Amino acid sequence: MNEHEIMNIVYHFGIKLTKSKFDMYIPKIRDYFAKYILENKSGSTIENVLKYEITRNDIIQSTVYYILKNKNVRSKSAIDDYLTIINRFFEEAVFSHLQI
């Protein structure tokens, strides 16, 4: 798995969003979730990682990564937003529409 592969999936997810959702969702996925995945799950294919290897703990740890790396996270609602975005990404890009 490399950065180009995961960013391609993020891009295809992003083009289906409204401009306001794109501006809110894509930076969080690109700058935090994708970077966490690249740093911690690089030994497998993108398909295996996103469809089979991601665990609940990985979602929790990517959220911790987001909190620690983003100085603007100061509230529970910011964390809720991040988790909502990750959930929508998985529902729409990984499990239903994209064949990766």
C-alpha atoms as a PDB file:
ATOM      1  CA  MET A   1       0.000   0.000   0.000  1.00  0.00           C
ATOM      2  CA  ASN A   2       1.233   3.460  -0.788  1.00  0.00           C
ATOM      3  CA  GLU A   3       0.022   7.012  -0.393  1.00  0.00           C
ATOM      4  CA  HIS A   4      -1.192   7.246  -3.994  1.00  0.00           C
ATOM      5  CA  GLU A   5      -3.534   4.261  -3.548  1.00  0.00           C
ATOM      6  CA  ILE A   6      -5.241   5.570  -0.433  1.00  0.00           C
ATOM      7  CA  MET A   7      -5.428   9.125  -1.778  1.00  0.00           C
ATOM      8  CA  ASN A   8      -7.110   7.800  -4.918  1.00  0.00           C
ATOM      9  CA  ILE A   9      -9.856   6.293  -2.752  1.00  0.00           C
ATOM     10  CA  VAL A  10     -10.138   9.526  -0.751  1.00  0.00           C
ATOM     11  CA  TYR A  11     -10.392  11.503  -4.011  1.00  0.00           C
ATOM     12  CA  HIS A  12     -13.171   9.297  -5.398  1.00  0.00           C
ATOM     13  CA  PHE A  13     -15.055   9.647  -2.129  1.00  0.00           C
ATOM     14  CA  GLY A  14     -14.543  13.419  -2.145  1.00  0.00           C
ATOM     15  CA  ILE A  15     -15.872  14.082  -5.642  1.00  0.00           C
ATOM     16  CA  LYS A  16     -19.306  12.831  -4.549  1.00  0.00           C
ATOM     17  CA  LEU A  17     -19.528  15.350  -1.700  1.00  0.00           C
ATOM     18  CA  THR A  18     -20.877  18.879  -1.709  1.00  0.00           C
ATOM     19  CA  LYS A  19     -18.254  21.618  -1.542  1.00  0.00           C
ATOM     20  CA  SER A  20     -18.906  22.272   2.153  1.00  0.00           C
ATOM     21  CA  LYS A  21     -18.748  18.568   3.031  1.00  0.00           C
ATOM     22  CA  PHE A  22     -15.628  18.161   0.892  1.00  0.00           C
ATOM     23  CA  ASP A  23     -13.942  21.033   2.742  1.00  0.00           C
ATOM     24  CA  MET A  24     -14.848  19.480   6.094  1.00  0.00           C
ATOM     25  CA  TYR A  25     -14.324  15.770   5.356  1.00  0.00           C
ATOM     26  CA  ILE A  26     -11.371  15.445   3.027  1.00  0.00           C
ATOM     27  CA  PRO A  27      -8.725  17.258   5.110  1.00  0.00           C
ATOM     28  CA  LYS A  28      -9.567  15.085   8.122  1.00  0.00           C
ATOM     29  CA  ILE A  29      -9.430  11.878   6.116  1.00  0.00           C
ATOM     30  CA  ARG A  30      -6.347  12.897   4.117  1.00  0.00           C
ATOM     31  CA  ASP A  31      -4.323  14.546   6.882  1.00  0.00           C
ATOM     32  CA  TYR A  32      -5.143  12.279   9.807  1.00  0.00           C
ATOM     33  CA  PHE A  33      -6.866   8.989   8.969  1.00  0.00           C
ATOM     34  CA  ALA A  34      -4.865   8.233   5.812  1.00  0.00           C
ATOM     35  CA  LYS A  35      -1.580   9.246   7.459  1.00  0.00           C
ATOM     36  CA  TYR A  36      -2.356   7.057  10.461  1.00  0.00           C
ATOM     37  CA  ILE A  37      -3.102   4.120   8.139  1.00  0.00           C
ATOM     38  CA  LEU A  38       0.084   4.683   6.135  1.00  0.00           C
ATOM     39  CA  GLU A  39       2.196   4.850   9.280  1.00  0.00           C
ATOM     40  CA  ASN A  40       0.637   1.823  10.970  1.00  0.00           C
ATOM     41  CA  LYS A  41      -0.720  -0.527   8.298  1.00  0.00           C
ATOM     42  CA  SER A  42       1.729  -0.254   5.421  1.00  0.00           C
ATOM     43  CA  GLY A  43       2.573  -3.945   5.175  1.00  0.00           C
ATOM     44  CA  SER A  44      -0.541  -4.982   3.271  1.00  0.00           C
ATOM     45  CA  THR A  45      -2.627  -4.053   0.240  1.00  0.00           C
ATOM     46  CA  ILE A  46      -5.034  -1.132   0.464  1.00  0.00           C
ATOM     47  CA  GLU A  47      -7.964  -3.498  -0.140  1.00  0.00           C
ATOM     48  CA  ASN A  48      -6.971  -5.806   2.706  1.00  0.00           C
ATOM     49  CA  VAL A  49      -6.306  -2.939   5.074  1.00  0.00           C
ATOM     50  CA  LEU A  50      -9.566  -1.093   4.486  1.00  0.00           C
ATOM     51  CA  LYS A  51     -11.849  -4.094   4.095  1.00  0.00           C
ATOM     52  CA  TYR A  52     -10.390  -6.669   6.462  1.00  0.00           C
ATOM     53  CA  GLU A  53      -7.596  -5.439   8.712  1.00  0.00           C
ATOM     54  CA  ILE A  54      -8.940  -2.250  10.258  1.00  0.00           C
ATOM     55  CA  THR A  55     -10.142  -2.942  13.765  1.00  0.00           C
ATOM     56  CA  ARG A  56     -12.083  -0.970  16.321  1.00  0.00           C
ATOM     57  CA  ASN A  57      -8.778  -0.272  18.034  1.00  0.00           C
ATOM     58  CA  ASP A  58      -7.380   1.194  14.790  1.00  0.00           C
ATOM     59  CA  ILE A  59     -10.323   3.606  14.634  1.00  0.00           C
ATOM     60  CA  ILE A  60      -9.704   4.573  18.258  1.00  0.00           C
ATOM     61  CA  GLN A  61      -5.974   4.997  17.654  1.00  0.00           C
ATOM     62  CA  SER A  62      -6.578   7.062  14.502  1.00  0.00           C
ATOM     63  CA  THR A  63      -8.829   9.299  16.616  1.00  0.00           C
ATOM     64  CA  VAL A  64      -6.066   9.671  19.210  1.00  0.00           C
ATOM     65  CA  TYR A  65      -3.676  10.490  16.346  1.00  0.00           C
ATOM     66  CA  TYR A  66      -6.147  13.148  15.125  1.00  0.00           C
ATOM     67  CA  ILE A  67      -6.408  14.672  18.619  1.00  0.00           C
ATOM     68  CA  LEU A  68      -2.649  14.730  19.166  1.00  0.00           C
ATOM     69  CA  LYS A  69      -1.724  16.042  15.707  1.00  0.00           C
ATOM     70  CA  ASN A  70      -4.478  18.647  15.352  1.00  0.00           C
ATOM     71  CA  LYS A  71      -4.064  21.534  17.768  1.00  0.00           C
ATOM     72  CA  ASN A  72      -7.581  22.755  16.926  1.00  0.00           C
ATOM     73  CA  VAL A  73      -9.307  19.762  18.522  1.00  0.00           C
ATOM     74  CA  ARG A  74     -10.620  21.087  21.811  1.00  0.00           C
ATOM     75  CA  SER A  75     -14.081  19.637  22.184  1.00  0.00           C
ATOM     76  CA  LYS A  76     -16.037  16.428  22.165  1.00  0.00           C
ATOM     77  CA  SER A  77     -17.944  17.667  19.114  1.00  0.00           C
ATOM     78  CA  ALA A  78     -14.698  17.801  17.099  1.00  0.00           C
ATOM     79  CA  ILE A  79     -14.069  14.162  17.980  1.00  0.00           C
ATOM     80  CA  ASP A  80     -17.676  13.267  17.134  1.00  0.00           C
ATOM     81  CA  ASP A  81     -17.280  14.993  13.763  1.00  0.00           C
ATOM     82  CA  TYR A  82     -14.109  13.032  13.030  1.00  0.00           C
ATOM     83  CA  LEU A  83     -15.761   9.711  13.866  1.00  0.00           C
ATOM     84  CA  THR A  84     -18.812  10.604  11.775  1.00  0.00           C
ATOM     85  CA  ILE A  85     -16.558  11.414   8.832  1.00  0.00           C
ATOM     86  CA  ILE A  86     -14.647   8.143   9.150  1.00  0.00           C
ATOM     87  CA  ASN A  87     -17.918   6.238   9.385  1.00  0.00           C
ATOM     88  CA  ARG A  88     -19.285   7.875   6.233  1.00  0.00           C
ATOM     89  CA  PHE A  89     -15.993   7.236   4.419  1.00  0.00           C
ATOM     90  CA  PHE A  90     -16.222   3.534   5.210  1.00  0.00           C
ATOM     91  CA  GLU A  91     -19.915   3.292   4.358  1.00  0.00           C
ATOM     92  CA  GLU A  92     -19.671   5.110   1.045  1.00  0.00           C
ATOM     93  CA  ALA A  93     -16.124   4.565  -0.181  1.00  0.00           C
ATOM     94  CA  VAL A  94     -15.090   1.221   1.217  1.00  0.00           C
ATOM     95  CA  PHE A  95     -18.135  -0.963   1.767  1.00  0.00           C
ATOM     96  CA  SER A  96     -20.709   0.076  -0.784  1.00  0.00           C
ATOM     97  CA  HIS A  97     -19.594   1.995  -3.858  1.00  0.00           C
ATOM     98  CA  LEU A  98     -15.894   1.576  -4.518  1.00  0.00           C
ATOM     99  CA  GLN A  99     -14.516  -1.701  -5.642  1.00  0.00           C
ATOM    100  CA  ILE A 100     -10.988  -1.526  -4.337  1.00  0.00           C
END
